[in-house]
Amino acid sequence: MANKILLIIIVNYNSLESIIPCIDSVFRNPPSCDYEIIVVDNNSKDGTLEVLQKRYGKKIILVRNDANLGFAKANNKVFLISKGKILAFLNSDTIIFENSLNELVNFLMGNSDVGVVGRMVG
């Protein structure tokens, strides 16, 4: 993984229906900084990996797990090898809105005393 400002990490497990709108929303509303999208697949059986490879090719990085490690362990696997300044852990059903990633990056880069940002929905 390259040394990017923002790494967008999405854990996937049989979520073909939701992950494509998620990734498409990032490409429609990208941050202005260097970024990568990393999909960590927890041994999906719904053809997600094949569809993602065909649809996005080298535009995303795919990390394959041989078992369903769960959300936290799958994220930690990428965290341990990541070189980004900011890591954004997304659920596969997240939709990114215009300028939201820029706001996140600008906030974190401008507030060195902040280490974690989260939003509760519902």
PDB file of N, CA and C in Angstrom:
ATOM      1  N   MET A   1       0.833  -1.176   0.000  1.00  0.00           N
ATOM      2  CA  MET A   1       0.000   0.000   0.000  1.00  0.00           C
ATOM      3  C   MET A   1       0.878   1.240   0.000  1.00  0.00           C
ATOM      4  N   ALA A   2       0.573   2.136  -0.892  1.00  0.00           N
ATOM      5  CA  ALA A   2       1.366   3.350  -1.036  1.00  0.00           C
ATOM      6  C   ALA A   2       1.160   4.281   0.154  1.00  0.00           C
ATOM      7  N   ASN A   3       2.021   5.246   0.248  1.00  0.00           N
ATOM      8  CA  ASN A   3       1.960   6.227   1.320  1.00  0.00           C
ATOM      9  C   ASN A   3       1.001   7.349   0.912  1.00  0.00           C
ATOM     10  N   LYS A   4      -0.266   7.185   1.196  1.00  0.00           N
ATOM     11  CA  LYS A   4      -1.301   8.133   0.799  1.00  0.00           C
ATOM     12  C   LYS A   4      -1.745   8.937   2.011  1.00  0.00           C
ATOM     13  N   ILE A   5      -2.426  10.045   1.760  1.00  0.00           N
ATOM     14  CA  ILE A   5      -3.007  10.833   2.850  1.00  0.00           C
ATOM     15  C   ILE A   5      -4.173  10.066   3.467  1.00  0.00           C
ATOM     16  N   LEU A   6      -5.073   9.555   2.622  1.00  0.00           N
ATOM     17  CA  LEU A   6      -6.297   8.923   3.103  1.00  0.00           C
ATOM     18  C   LEU A   6      -6.422   7.503   2.566  1.00  0.00           C
ATOM     19  N   LEU A   7      -6.605   6.555   3.475  1.00  0.00           N
ATOM     20  CA  LEU A   7      -6.924   5.184   3.096  1.00  0.00           C
ATOM     21  C   LEU A   7      -8.374   4.937   3.484  1.00  0.00           C
ATOM     22  N   ILE A   8      -9.180   4.578   2.517  1.00  0.00           N
ATOM     23  CA  ILE A   8     -10.583   4.258   2.757  1.00  0.00           C
ATOM     24  C   ILE A   8     -10.682   2.741   2.785  1.00  0.00           C
ATOM     25  N   ILE A   9     -11.013   2.201   3.951  1.00  0.00           N
ATOM     26  CA  ILE A   9     -11.013   0.759   4.162  1.00  0.00           C
ATOM     27  C   ILE A   9     -12.452   0.290   4.341  1.00  0.00           C
ATOM     28  N   ILE A  10     -12.840  -0.667   3.517  1.00  0.00           N
ATOM     29  CA  ILE A  10     -14.210  -1.191   3.542  1.00  0.00           C
ATOM     30  C   ILE A  10     -14.140  -2.696   3.731  1.00  0.00           C
ATOM     31  N   VAL A  11     -14.722  -3.187   4.820  1.00  0.00           N
ATOM     32  CA  VAL A  11     -14.800  -4.630   5.044  1.00  0.00           C
ATOM     33  C   VAL A  11     -16.046  -5.147   4.343  1.00  0.00           C
ATOM     34  N   ASN A  12     -15.881  -6.247   3.656  1.00  0.00           N
ATOM     35  CA  ASN A  12     -16.970  -6.832   2.884  1.00  0.00           C
ATOM     36  C   ASN A  12     -17.183  -8.284   3.284  1.00  0.00           C
ATOM     37  N   TYR A  13     -18.442  -8.642   3.415  1.00  0.00           N
ATOM     38  CA  TYR A  13     -18.818 -10.047   3.561  1.00  0.00           C
ATOM     39  C   TYR A  13     -20.182 -10.236   2.909  1.00  0.00           C
ATOM     40  N   ASN A  14     -20.170 -10.808   1.720  1.00  0.00           N
ATOM     41  CA  ASN A  14     -21.406 -11.068   0.976  1.00  0.00           C
ATOM     42  C   ASN A  14     -22.290  -9.820   0.862  1.00  0.00           C
ATOM     43  N   SER A  15     -21.683  -8.694   0.552  1.00  0.00           N
ATOM     44  CA  SER A  15     -22.456  -7.443   0.491  1.00  0.00           C
ATOM     45  C   SER A  15     -22.412  -6.805  -0.894  1.00  0.00           C
ATOM     46  N   LEU A  16     -22.516  -7.631  -1.914  1.00  0.00           N
ATOM     47  CA  LEU A  16     -22.442  -7.161  -3.293  1.00  0.00           C
ATOM     48  C   LEU A  16     -23.433  -6.033  -3.569  1.00  0.00           C
ATOM     49  N   GLU A  17     -24.647  -6.155  -3.068  1.00  0.00           N
ATOM     50  CA  GLU A  17     -25.690  -5.161  -3.352  1.00  0.00           C
ATOM     51  C   GLU A  17     -25.372  -3.782  -2.774  1.00  0.00           C
ATOM     52  N   SER A  18     -24.641  -3.732  -1.659  1.00  0.00           N
ATOM     53  CA  SER A  18     -24.387  -2.434  -1.022  1.00  0.00           C
ATOM     54  C   SER A  18     -22.997  -1.882  -1.282  1.00  0.00           C
ATOM     55  N   ILE A  19     -22.026  -2.735  -1.550  1.00  0.00           N
ATOM     56  CA  ILE A  19     -20.659  -2.238  -1.669  1.00  0.00           C
ATOM     57  C   ILE A  19     -20.418  -1.465  -2.964  1.00  0.00           C
ATOM     58  N   ILE A  20     -21.101  -1.828  -4.032  1.00  0.00           N
ATOM     59  CA  ILE A  20     -20.912  -1.087  -5.292  1.00  0.00           C
ATOM     60  C   ILE A  20     -21.403   0.355  -5.168  1.00  0.00           C
ATOM     61  N   PRO A  21     -22.602   0.608  -4.639  1.00  0.00           N
ATOM     62  CA  PRO A  21     -22.990   2.009  -4.420  1.00  0.00           C
ATOM     63  C   PRO A  21     -22.032   2.739  -3.480  1.00  0.00           C
ATOM     64  N   CYS A  22     -21.485   2.037  -2.501  1.00  0.00           N
ATOM     65  CA  CYS A  22     -20.522   2.643  -1.578  1.00  0.00           C
ATOM     66  C   CYS A  22     -19.273   3.108  -2.325  1.00  0.00           C
ATOM     67  N   ILE A  23     -18.658   2.205  -3.057  1.00  0.00           N
ATOM     68  CA  ILE A  23     -17.434   2.548  -3.792  1.00  0.00           C
ATOM     69  C   ILE A  23     -17.717   3.596  -4.858  1.00  0.00           C
ATOM     70  N   ASP A  24     -18.820   3.449  -5.573  1.00  0.00           N
ATOM     71  CA  ASP A  24     -19.182   4.446  -6.589  1.00  0.00           C
ATOM     72  C   ASP A  24     -19.341   5.831  -5.970  1.00  0.00           C
ATOM     73  N   SER A  25     -19.875   5.899  -4.755  1.00  0.00           N
ATOM     74  CA  SER A  25     -20.067   7.207  -4.105  1.00  0.00           C
ATOM     75  C   SER A  25     -18.724   7.854  -3.777  1.00  0.00           C
ATOM     76  N   VAL A  26     -17.717   7.059  -3.462  1.00  0.00           N
ATOM     77  CA  VAL A  26     -16.376   7.613  -3.229  1.00  0.00           C
ATOM     78  C   VAL A  26     -15.821   8.169  -4.532  1.00  0.00           C
ATOM     79  N   PHE A  27     -15.970   7.426  -5.624  1.00  0.00           N
ATOM     80  CA  PHE A  27     -15.459   7.914  -6.906  1.00  0.00           C
ATOM     81  C   PHE A  27     -16.231   9.138  -7.413  1.00  0.00           C
ATOM     82  N   ARG A  28     -17.508   9.242  -7.078  1.00  0.00           N
ATOM     83  CA  ARG A  28     -18.289  10.431  -7.458  1.00  0.00           C
ATOM     84  C   ARG A  28     -17.919  11.646  -6.609  1.00  0.00           C
ATOM     85  N   ASN A  29     -17.489  11.397  -5.379  1.00  0.00           N
ATOM     86  CA  ASN A  29     -17.203  12.473  -4.422  1.00  0.00           C
ATOM     87  C   ASN A  29     -15.835  12.257  -3.770  1.00  0.00           C
ATOM     88  N   PRO A  30     -14.780  12.207  -4.572  1.00  0.00           N
ATOM     89  CA  PRO A  30     -13.462  11.886  -4.019  1.00  0.00           C
ATOM     90  C   PRO A  30     -12.880  13.053  -3.225  1.00  0.00           C
ATOM     91  N   PRO A  31     -11.973  12.740  -2.320  1.00  0.00           N
ATOM     92  CA  PRO A  31     -11.264  13.831  -1.647  1.00  0.00           C
ATOM     93  C   PRO A  31     -10.263  14.451  -2.615  1.00  0.00           C
ATOM     94  N   SER A  32      -9.822  15.651  -2.321  1.00  0.00           N
ATOM     95  CA  SER A  32      -8.854  16.305  -3.202  1.00  0.00           C
ATOM     96  C   SER A  32      -7.422  15.850  -2.912  1.00  0.00           C
ATOM     97  N   CYS A  33      -7.219  15.066  -1.867  1.00  0.00           N
ATOM     98  CA  CYS A  33      -5.889  14.556  -1.531  1.00  0.00           C
ATOM     99  C   CYS A  33      -5.664  13.177  -2.163  1.00  0.00           C
ATOM    100  N   ASP A  34      -4.423  12.685  -2.071  1.00  0.00           N
ATOM    101  CA  ASP A  34      -4.126  11.323  -2.513  1.00  0.00           C
ATOM    102  C   ASP A  34      -4.866  10.333  -1.626  1.00  0.00           C
ATOM    103  N   TYR A  35      -5.502   9.345  -2.247  1.00  0.00           N
ATOM    104  CA  TYR A  35      -6.246   8.360  -1.467  1.00  0.00           C
ATOM    105  C   TYR A  35      -6.247   7.017  -2.177  1.00  0.00           C
ATOM    106  N   GLU A  36      -6.569   5.989  -1.403  1.00  0.00           N
ATOM    107  CA  GLU A  36      -6.766   4.644  -1.938  1.00  0.00           C
ATOM    108  C   GLU A  36      -8.000   4.048  -1.293  1.00  0.00           C
ATOM    109  N   ILE A  37      -8.665   3.188  -2.041  1.00  0.00           N
ATOM    110  CA  ILE A  37      -9.783   2.411  -1.507  1.00  0.00           C
ATOM    111  C   ILE A  37      -9.300   0.974  -1.366  1.00  0.00           C
ATOM    112  N   ILE A  38      -9.434   0.442  -0.161  1.00  0.00           N
ATOM    113  CA  ILE A  38      -9.026  -0.927   0.120  1.00  0.00           C
ATOM    114  C   ILE A  38     -10.261  -1.687   0.575  1.00  0.00           C
ATOM    115  N   VAL A  39     -10.585  -2.757  -0.120  1.00  0.00           N
ATOM    116  CA  VAL A  39     -11.699  -3.622   0.266  1.00  0.00           C
ATOM    117  C   VAL A  39     -11.106  -4.887   0.870  1.00  0.00           C
ATOM    118  N   VAL A  40     -11.499  -5.166   2.108  1.00  0.00           N
ATOM    119  CA  VAL A  40     -11.067  -6.380   2.796  1.00  0.00           C
ATOM    120  C   VAL A  40     -12.232  -7.354   2.742  1.00  0.00           C
ATOM    121  N   ASP A  41     -12.059  -8.426   2.002  1.00  0.00           N
ATOM    122  CA  ASP A  41     -13.141  -9.387   1.841  1.00  0.00           C
ATOM    123  C   ASP A  41     -12.980 -10.553   2.815  1.00  0.00           C
ATOM    124  N   ASN A  42     -14.038 -10.808   3.563  1.00  0.00           N
ATOM    125  CA  ASN A  42     -14.061 -11.871   4.562  1.00  0.00           C
ATOM    126  C   ASN A  42     -14.604 -13.177   3.995  1.00  0.00           C
ATOM    127  N   ASN A  43     -14.016 -13.630   2.887  1.00  0.00           N
ATOM    128  CA  ASN A  43     -14.365 -14.912   2.279  1.00  0.00           C
ATOM    129  C   ASN A  43     -15.819 -14.959   1.790  1.00  0.00           C
ATOM    130  N   SER A  44     -16.216 -13.914   1.072  1.00  0.00           N
ATOM    131  CA  SER A  44     -17.579 -13.845   0.523  1.00  0.00           C
ATOM    132  C   SER A  44     -17.838 -14.985  -0.451  1.00  0.00           C
ATOM    133  N   LYS A  45     -19.088 -15.393  -0.512  1.00  0.00           N
ATOM    134  CA  LYS A  45     -19.509 -16.475  -1.407  1.00  0.00           C
ATOM    135  C   LYS A  45     -20.518 -15.993  -2.453  1.00  0.00           C
ATOM    136  N   ASP A  46     -20.734 -14.663  -2.528  1.00  0.00           N
ATOM    137  CA  ASP A  46     -21.754 -14.127  -3.429  1.00  0.00           C
ATOM    138  C   ASP A  46     -21.189 -13.545  -4.725  1.00  0.00           C
ATOM    139  N   GLY A  47     -19.906 -13.811  -5.009  1.00  0.00           N
ATOM    140  CA  GLY A  47     -19.299 -13.310  -6.235  1.00  0.00           C
ATOM    141  C   GLY A  47     -18.810 -11.875  -6.149  1.00  0.00           C
ATOM    142  N   THR A  48     -18.806 -11.309  -4.962  1.00  0.00           N
ATOM    143  CA  THR A  48     -18.402  -9.912  -4.795  1.00  0.00           C
ATOM    144  C   THR A  48     -17.003  -9.652  -5.347  1.00  0.00           C
ATOM    145  N   LEU A  49     -16.050 -10.481  -5.000  1.00  0.00           N
ATOM    146  CA  LEU A  49     -14.668 -10.245  -5.437  1.00  0.00           C
ATOM    147  C   LEU A  49     -14.545 -10.198  -6.950  1.00  0.00           C
ATOM    148  N   GLU A  50     -15.175 -11.129  -7.616  1.00  0.00           N
ATOM    149  CA  GLU A  50     -15.098 -11.168  -9.078  1.00  0.00           C
ATOM    150  C   GLU A  50     -15.727  -9.913  -9.696  1.00  0.00           C
ATOM    151  N   VAL A  51     -16.868  -9.500  -9.158  1.00  0.00           N
ATOM    152  CA  VAL A  51     -17.541  -8.297  -9.667  1.00  0.00           C
ATOM    153  C   VAL A  51     -16.674  -7.061  -9.417  1.00  0.00           C
ATOM    154  N   LEU A  52     -16.103  -6.951  -8.215  1.00  0.00           N
ATOM    155  CA  LEU A  52     -15.265  -5.790  -7.894  1.00  0.00           C
ATOM    156  C   LEU A  52     -14.029  -5.743  -8.778  1.00  0.00           C
ATOM    157  N   GLN A  53     -13.400  -6.890  -9.008  1.00  0.00           N
ATOM    158  CA  GLN A  53     -12.224  -6.925  -9.881  1.00  0.00           C
ATOM    159  C   GLN A  53     -12.576  -6.488 -11.298  1.00  0.00           C
ATOM    160  N   LYS A  54     -13.694  -6.986 -11.802  1.00  0.00           N
ATOM    161  CA  LYS A  54     -14.101  -6.647 -13.166  1.00  0.00           C
ATOM    162  C   LYS A  54     -14.496  -5.177 -13.277  1.00  0.00           C
ATOM    163  N   ARG A  55     -15.227  -4.682 -12.301  1.00  0.00           N
ATOM    164  CA  ARG A  55     -15.751  -3.314 -12.355  1.00  0.00           C
ATOM    165  C   ARG A  55     -14.679  -2.250 -12.099  1.00  0.00           C
ATOM    166  N   TYR A  56     -13.779  -2.512 -11.136  1.00  0.00           N
ATOM    167  CA  TYR A  56     -12.829  -1.476 -10.709  1.00  0.00           C
ATOM    168  C   TYR A  56     -11.373  -1.772 -11.061  1.00  0.00           C
ATOM    169  N   GLY A  57     -11.045  -3.022 -11.306  1.00  0.00           N
ATOM    170  CA  GLY A  57      -9.661  -3.357 -11.649  1.00  0.00           C
ATOM    171  C   GLY A  57      -8.669  -2.825 -10.631  1.00  0.00           C
ATOM    172  N   LYS A  58      -7.688  -2.088 -11.109  1.00  0.00           N
ATOM    173  CA  LYS A  58      -6.633  -1.566 -10.239  1.00  0.00           C
ATOM    174  C   LYS A  58      -7.004  -0.257  -9.550  1.00  0.00           C
ATOM    175  N   LYS A  59      -8.244   0.187  -9.712  1.00  0.00           N
ATOM    176  CA  LYS A  59      -8.672   1.408  -9.027  1.00  0.00           C
ATOM    177  C   LYS A  59      -8.860   1.195  -7.532  1.00  0.00           C
ATOM    178  N   ILE A  60      -8.983  -0.079  -7.126  1.00  0.00           N
ATOM    179  CA  ILE A  60      -9.104  -0.406  -5.708  1.00  0.00           C
ATOM    180  C   ILE A  60      -8.122  -1.523  -5.386  1.00  0.00           C
ATOM    181  N   ILE A  61      -7.827  -1.670  -4.109  1.00  0.00           N
ATOM    182  CA  ILE A  61      -6.981  -2.761  -3.640  1.00  0.00           C
ATOM    183  C   ILE A  61      -7.890  -3.768  -2.946  1.00  0.00           C
ATOM    184  N   LEU A  62      -7.744  -5.033  -3.323  1.00  0.00           N
ATOM    185  CA  LEU A  62      -8.527  -6.100  -2.699  1.00  0.00           C
ATOM    186  C   LEU A  62      -7.625  -6.929  -1.793  1.00  0.00           C
ATOM    187  N   VAL A  63      -8.065  -7.088  -0.549  1.00  0.00           N
ATOM    188  CA  VAL A  63      -7.384  -7.951   0.408  1.00  0.00           C
ATOM    189  C   VAL A  63      -8.331  -9.102   0.691  1.00  0.00           C
ATOM    190  N   ARG A  64      -7.885 -10.313   0.455  1.00  0.00           N
ATOM    191  CA  ARG A  64      -8.747 -11.497   0.613  1.00  0.00           C
ATOM    192  C   ARG A  64      -8.400 -12.244   1.892  1.00  0.00           C
ATOM    193  N   ASN A  65      -9.414 -12.517   2.666  1.00  0.00           N
ATOM    194  CA  ASN A  65      -9.262 -13.365   3.843  1.00  0.00           C
ATOM    195  C   ASN A  65      -9.810 -14.748   3.521  1.00  0.00           C
ATOM    196  N   ASP A  66      -9.216 -15.761   4.103  1.00  0.00           N
ATOM    197  CA  ASP A  66      -9.657 -17.135   3.876  1.00  0.00           C
ATOM    198  C   ASP A  66     -10.841 -17.529   4.752  1.00  0.00           C
ATOM    199  N   ALA A  67     -11.228 -16.641   5.654  1.00  0.00           N
ATOM    200  CA  ALA A  67     -12.360 -16.905   6.542  1.00  0.00           C
ATOM    201  C   ALA A  67     -13.022 -15.577   6.878  1.00  0.00           C
ATOM    202  N   ASN A  68     -14.214 -15.644   7.450  1.00  0.00           N
ATOM    203  CA  ASN A  68     -14.891 -14.441   7.910  1.00  0.00           C
ATOM    204  C   ASN A  68     -14.286 -14.050   9.255  1.00  0.00           C
ATOM    205  N   LEU A  69     -13.388 -13.059   9.217  1.00  0.00           N
ATOM    206  CA  LEU A  69     -12.694 -12.627  10.427  1.00  0.00           C
ATOM    207  C   LEU A  69     -13.519 -11.670  11.270  1.00  0.00           C
ATOM    208  N   GLY A  70     -14.621 -11.181  10.719  1.00  0.00           N
ATOM    209  CA  GLY A  70     -15.401 -10.161  11.413  1.00  0.00           C
ATOM    210  C   GLY A  70     -14.884  -8.776  11.066  1.00  0.00           C
ATOM    211  N   PHE A  71     -15.663  -7.770  11.422  1.00  0.00           N
ATOM    212  CA  PHE A  71     -15.363  -6.386  11.050  1.00  0.00           C
ATOM    213  C   PHE A  71     -14.066  -5.887  11.685  1.00  0.00           C
ATOM    214  N   ALA A  72     -13.938  -6.031  12.991  1.00  0.00           N
ATOM    215  CA  ALA A  72     -12.780  -5.471  13.693  1.00  0.00           C
ATOM    216  C   ALA A  72     -11.476  -6.134  13.267  1.00  0.00           C
ATOM    217  N   LYS A  73     -11.439  -7.446  13.245  1.00  0.00           N
ATOM    218  CA  LYS A  73     -10.208  -8.165  12.905  1.00  0.00           C
ATOM    219  C   LYS A  73      -9.804  -7.898  11.452  1.00  0.00           C
ATOM    220  N   ALA A  74     -10.779  -7.815  10.555  1.00  0.00           N
ATOM    221  CA  ALA A  74     -10.470  -7.516   9.147  1.00  0.00           C
ATOM    222  C   ALA A  74      -9.884  -6.108   9.014  1.00  0.00           C
ATOM    223  N   ASN A  75     -10.464  -5.138   9.725  1.00  0.00           N
ATOM    224  CA  ASN A  75      -9.912  -3.783   9.708  1.00  0.00           C
ATOM    225  C   ASN A  75      -8.508  -3.755  10.296  1.00  0.00           C
ATOM    226  N   ASN A  76      -8.299  -4.469  11.389  1.00  0.00           N
ATOM    227  CA  ASN A  76      -6.978  -4.492  12.025  1.00  0.00           C
ATOM    228  C   ASN A  76      -5.921  -5.076  11.103  1.00  0.00           C
ATOM    229  N   LYS A  77      -6.291  -6.042  10.297  1.00  0.00           N
ATOM    230  CA  LYS A  77      -5.345  -6.650   9.360  1.00  0.00           C
ATOM    231  C   LYS A  77      -4.766  -5.594   8.417  1.00  0.00           C
ATOM    232  N   VAL A  78      -5.615  -4.713   7.915  1.00  0.00           N
ATOM    233  CA  VAL A  78      -5.155  -3.644   7.023  1.00  0.00           C
ATOM    234  C   VAL A  78      -4.448  -2.548   7.816  1.00  0.00           C
ATOM    235  N   PHE A  79      -4.970  -2.236   8.981  1.00  0.00           N
ATOM    236  CA  PHE A  79      -4.367  -1.206   9.828  1.00  0.00           C
ATOM    237  C   PHE A  79      -2.894  -1.502  10.083  1.00  0.00           C
ATOM    238  N   LEU A  80      -2.565  -2.753  10.329  1.00  0.00           N
ATOM    239  CA  LEU A  80      -1.195  -3.123  10.668  1.00  0.00           C
ATOM    240  C   LEU A  80      -0.213  -2.920   9.516  1.00  0.00           C
ATOM    241  N   ILE A  81      -0.692  -2.911   8.277  1.00  0.00           N
ATOM    242  CA  ILE A  81       0.206  -2.740   7.127  1.00  0.00           C
ATOM    243  C   ILE A  81      -0.008  -1.417   6.397  1.00  0.00           C
ATOM    244  N   SER A  82      -0.902  -0.574   6.923  1.00  0.00           N
ATOM    245  CA  SER A  82      -1.241   0.673   6.222  1.00  0.00           C
ATOM    246  C   SER A  82      -0.167   1.730   6.427  1.00  0.00           C
ATOM    247  N   LYS A  83      -0.087   2.617   5.448  1.00  0.00           N
ATOM    248  CA  LYS A  83       0.867   3.714   5.512  1.00  0.00           C
ATOM    249  C   LYS A  83       0.188   5.060   5.301  1.00  0.00           C
ATOM    250  N   GLY A  84      -1.120   5.106   5.449  1.00  0.00           N
ATOM    251  CA  GLY A  84      -1.839   6.360   5.275  1.00  0.00           C
ATOM    252  C   GLY A  84      -1.763   7.218   6.515  1.00  0.00           C
ATOM    253  N   LYS A  85      -1.912   8.520   6.324  1.00  0.00           N
ATOM    254  CA  LYS A  85      -1.963   9.430   7.465  1.00  0.00           C
ATOM    255  C   LYS A  85      -3.316   9.369   8.144  1.00  0.00           C
ATOM    256  N   ILE A  86      -4.363   9.164   7.338  1.00  0.00           N
ATOM    257  CA  ILE A  86      -5.730   9.095   7.862  1.00  0.00           C
ATOM    258  C   ILE A  86      -6.364   7.813   7.348  1.00  0.00           C
ATOM    259  N   LEU A  87      -6.979   7.076   8.243  1.00  0.00           N
ATOM    260  CA  LEU A  87      -7.696   5.864   7.874  1.00  0.00           C
ATOM    261  C   LEU A  87      -9.174   6.095   8.079  1.00  0.00           C
ATOM    262  N   ALA A  88      -9.963   5.823   7.055  1.00  0.00           N
ATOM    263  CA  ALA A  88     -11.422   5.932   7.147  1.00  0.00           C
ATOM    264  C   ALA A  88     -11.992   4.536   7.026  1.00  0.00           C
ATOM    265  N   PHE A  89     -12.552   4.031   8.113  1.00  0.00           N
ATOM    266  CA  PHE A  89     -13.155   2.699   8.133  1.00  0.00           C
ATOM    267  C   PHE A  89     -14.634   2.844   7.815  1.00  0.00           C
ATOM    268  N   LEU A  90     -15.049   2.333   6.663  1.00  0.00           N
ATOM    269  CA  LEU A  90     -16.435   2.460   6.232  1.00  0.00           C
ATOM    270  C   LEU A  90     -17.143   1.120   6.285  1.00  0.00           C
ATOM    271  N   ASN A  91     -18.409   1.155   6.641  1.00  0.00           N
ATOM    272  CA  ASN A  91     -19.264  -0.006   6.438  1.00  0.00           C
ATOM    273  C   ASN A  91     -19.547  -0.098   4.946  1.00  0.00           C
ATOM    274  N   SER A  92     -19.826  -1.286   4.455  1.00  0.00           N
ATOM    275  CA  SER A  92     -20.034  -1.478   3.019  1.00  0.00           C
ATOM    276  C   SER A  92     -21.308  -0.820   2.507  1.00  0.00           C
ATOM    277  N   ASP A  93     -22.193  -0.372   3.391  1.00  0.00           N
ATOM    278  CA  ASP A  93     -23.416   0.301   2.954  1.00  0.00           C
ATOM    279  C   ASP A  93     -23.347   1.821   3.124  1.00  0.00           C
ATOM    280  N   THR A  94     -22.143   2.346   3.358  1.00  0.00           N
ATOM    281  CA  THR A  94     -21.952   3.791   3.502  1.00  0.00           C
ATOM    282  C   THR A  94     -22.053   4.469   2.143  1.00  0.00           C
ATOM    283  N   ILE A  95     -22.669   5.642   2.131  1.00  0.00           N
ATOM    284  CA  ILE A  95     -22.700   6.476   0.931  1.00  0.00           C
ATOM    285  C   ILE A  95     -21.982   7.787   1.267  1.00  0.00           C
ATOM    286  N   ILE A  96     -20.986   8.122   0.460  1.00  0.00           N
ATOM    287  CA  ILE A  96     -20.198   9.338   0.651  1.00  0.00           C
ATOM    288  C   ILE A  96     -20.866  10.483  -0.102  1.00  0.00           C
ATOM    289  N   PHE A  97     -21.064  11.588   0.599  1.00  0.00           N
ATOM    290  CA  PHE A  97     -21.677  12.768  -0.003  1.00  0.00           C
ATOM    291  C   PHE A  97     -20.609  13.771  -0.433  1.00  0.00           C
ATOM    292  N   GLU A  98     -21.013  14.688  -1.283  1.00  0.00           N
ATOM    293  CA  GLU A  98     -20.111  15.703  -1.817  1.00  0.00           C
ATOM    294  C   GLU A  98     -19.360  16.414  -0.701  1.00  0.00           C
ATOM    295  N   ASN A  99     -18.067  16.470  -0.833  1.00  0.00           N
ATOM    296  CA  ASN A  99     -17.150  17.198   0.039  1.00  0.00           C
ATOM    297  C   ASN A  99     -16.975  16.585   1.434  1.00  0.00           C
ATOM    298  N   SER A 100     -17.677  15.500   1.746  1.00  0.00           N
ATOM    299  CA  SER A 100     -17.558  14.945   3.103  1.00  0.00           C
ATOM    300  C   SER A 100     -16.155  14.416   3.399  1.00  0.00           C
ATOM    301  N   LEU A 101     -15.506  13.792   2.435  1.00  0.00           N
ATOM    302  CA  LEU A 101     -14.152  13.301   2.673  1.00  0.00           C
ATOM    303  C   LEU A 101     -13.161  14.457   2.814  1.00  0.00           C
ATOM    304  N   ASN A 102     -13.344  15.516   2.045  1.00  0.00           N
ATOM    305  CA  ASN A 102     -12.494  16.702   2.205  1.00  0.00           C
ATOM    306  C   ASN A 102     -12.667  17.314   3.589  1.00  0.00           C
ATOM    307  N   GLU A 103     -13.907  17.390   4.055  1.00  0.00           N
ATOM    308  CA  GLU A 103     -14.149  17.932   5.391  1.00  0.00           C
ATOM    309  C   GLU A 103     -13.479  17.082   6.460  1.00  0.00           C
ATOM    310  N   LEU A 104     -13.563  15.770   6.308  1.00  0.00           N
ATOM    311  CA  LEU A 104     -12.918  14.874   7.263  1.00  0.00           C
ATOM    312  C   LEU A 104     -11.406  15.082   7.271  1.00  0.00           C
ATOM    313  N   VAL A 105     -10.791  15.057   6.093  1.00  0.00           N
ATOM    314  CA  VAL A 105      -9.336  15.220   5.989  1.00  0.00           C
ATOM    315  C   VAL A 105      -8.914  16.583   6.517  1.00  0.00           C
ATOM    316  N   ASN A 106      -9.600  17.639   6.110  1.00  0.00           N
ATOM    317  CA  ASN A 106      -9.231  18.984   6.558  1.00  0.00           C
ATOM    318  C   ASN A 106      -9.347  19.127   8.073  1.00  0.00           C
ATOM    319  N   PHE A 107     -10.401  18.546   8.644  1.00  0.00           N
ATOM    320  CA  PHE A 107     -10.578  18.617  10.086  1.00  0.00           C
ATOM    321  C   PHE A 107      -9.443  17.904  10.811  1.00  0.00           C
ATOM    322  N   LEU A 108      -9.142  16.690  10.390  1.00  0.00           N
ATOM    323  CA  LEU A 108      -8.100  15.921  11.070  1.00  0.00           C
ATOM    324  C   LEU A 108      -6.708  16.519  10.858  1.00  0.00           C
ATOM    325  N   MET A 109      -6.434  17.008   9.674  1.00  0.00           N
ATOM    326  CA  MET A 109      -5.123  17.612   9.411  1.00  0.00           C
ATOM    327  C   MET A 109      -4.958  18.935  10.174  1.00  0.00           C
ATOM    328  N   GLY A 110      -6.075  19.603  10.442  1.00  0.00           N
ATOM    329  CA  GLY A 110      -6.023  20.882  11.146  1.00  0.00           C
ATOM    330  C   GLY A 110      -6.166  20.780  12.654  1.00  0.00           C
ATOM    331  N   ASN A 111      -6.379  19.582  13.160  1.00  0.00           N
ATOM    332  CA  ASN A 111      -6.576  19.387  14.598  1.00  0.00           C
ATOM    333  C   ASN A 111      -5.723  18.211  15.067  1.00  0.00           C
ATOM    334  N   SER A 112      -4.451  18.475  15.299  1.00  0.00           N
ATOM    335  CA  SER A 112      -3.517  17.396  15.645  1.00  0.00           C
ATOM    336  C   SER A 112      -3.831  16.742  16.989  1.00  0.00           C
ATOM    337  N   ASP A 113      -4.672  17.375  17.794  1.00  0.00           N
ATOM    338  CA  ASP A 113      -5.041  16.789  19.081  1.00  0.00           C
ATOM    339  C   ASP A 113      -6.206  15.802  18.959  1.00  0.00           C
ATOM    340  N   VAL A 114      -6.771  15.655  17.743  1.00  0.00           N
ATOM    341  CA  VAL A 114      -7.878  14.729  17.510  1.00  0.00           C
ATOM    342  C   VAL A 114      -7.331  13.489  16.811  1.00  0.00           C
ATOM    343  N   GLY A 115      -7.649  12.317  17.370  1.00  0.00           N
ATOM    344  CA  GLY A 115      -7.159  11.078  16.791  1.00  0.00           C
ATOM    345  C   GLY A 115      -8.227  10.221  16.169  1.00  0.00           C
ATOM    346  N   VAL A 116      -9.479  10.408  16.587  1.00  0.00           N
ATOM    347  CA  VAL A 116     -10.570   9.576  16.099  1.00  0.00           C
ATOM    348  C   VAL A 116     -11.800  10.450  15.879  1.00  0.00           C
ATOM    349  N   VAL A 117     -12.495  10.199  14.772  1.00  0.00           N
ATOM    350  CA  VAL A 117     -13.739  10.892  14.467  1.00  0.00           C
ATOM    351  C   VAL A 117     -14.771   9.815  14.159  1.00  0.00           C
ATOM    352  N   GLY A 118     -15.949   9.966  14.722  1.00  0.00           N
ATOM    353  CA  GLY A 118     -17.011   9.023  14.459  1.00  0.00           C
ATOM    354  C   GLY A 118     -18.350   9.732  14.411  1.00  0.00           C
ATOM    355  N   ARG A 119     -19.313   9.069  13.859  1.00  0.00           N
ATOM    356  CA  ARG A 119     -20.666   9.633  13.799  1.00  0.00           C
ATOM    357  C   ARG A 119     -21.648   8.530  14.081  1.00  0.00           C
ATOM    358  N   MET A 120     -22.508   8.795  15.025  1.00  0.00           N
ATOM    359  CA  MET A 120     -23.575   7.848  15.347  1.00  0.00           C
ATOM    360  C   MET A 120     -24.791   8.209  14.502  1.00  0.00           C
ATOM    361  N   VAL A 121     -25.365   7.228  13.873  1.00  0.00           N
ATOM    362  CA  VAL A 121     -26.549   7.436  13.047  1.00  0.00           C
ATOM    363  C   VAL A 121     -27.692   6.673  13.680  1.00  0.00           C
ATOM    364  N   GLY A 122     -28.852   7.328  13.722  1.00  0.00           N
ATOM    365  CA  GLY A 122     -30.037   6.627  14.216  1.00  0.00           C
ATOM    366  C   GLY A 122     -30.479   7.036  15.502  1.00  0.00           C
TER     367      GLY A 122
END
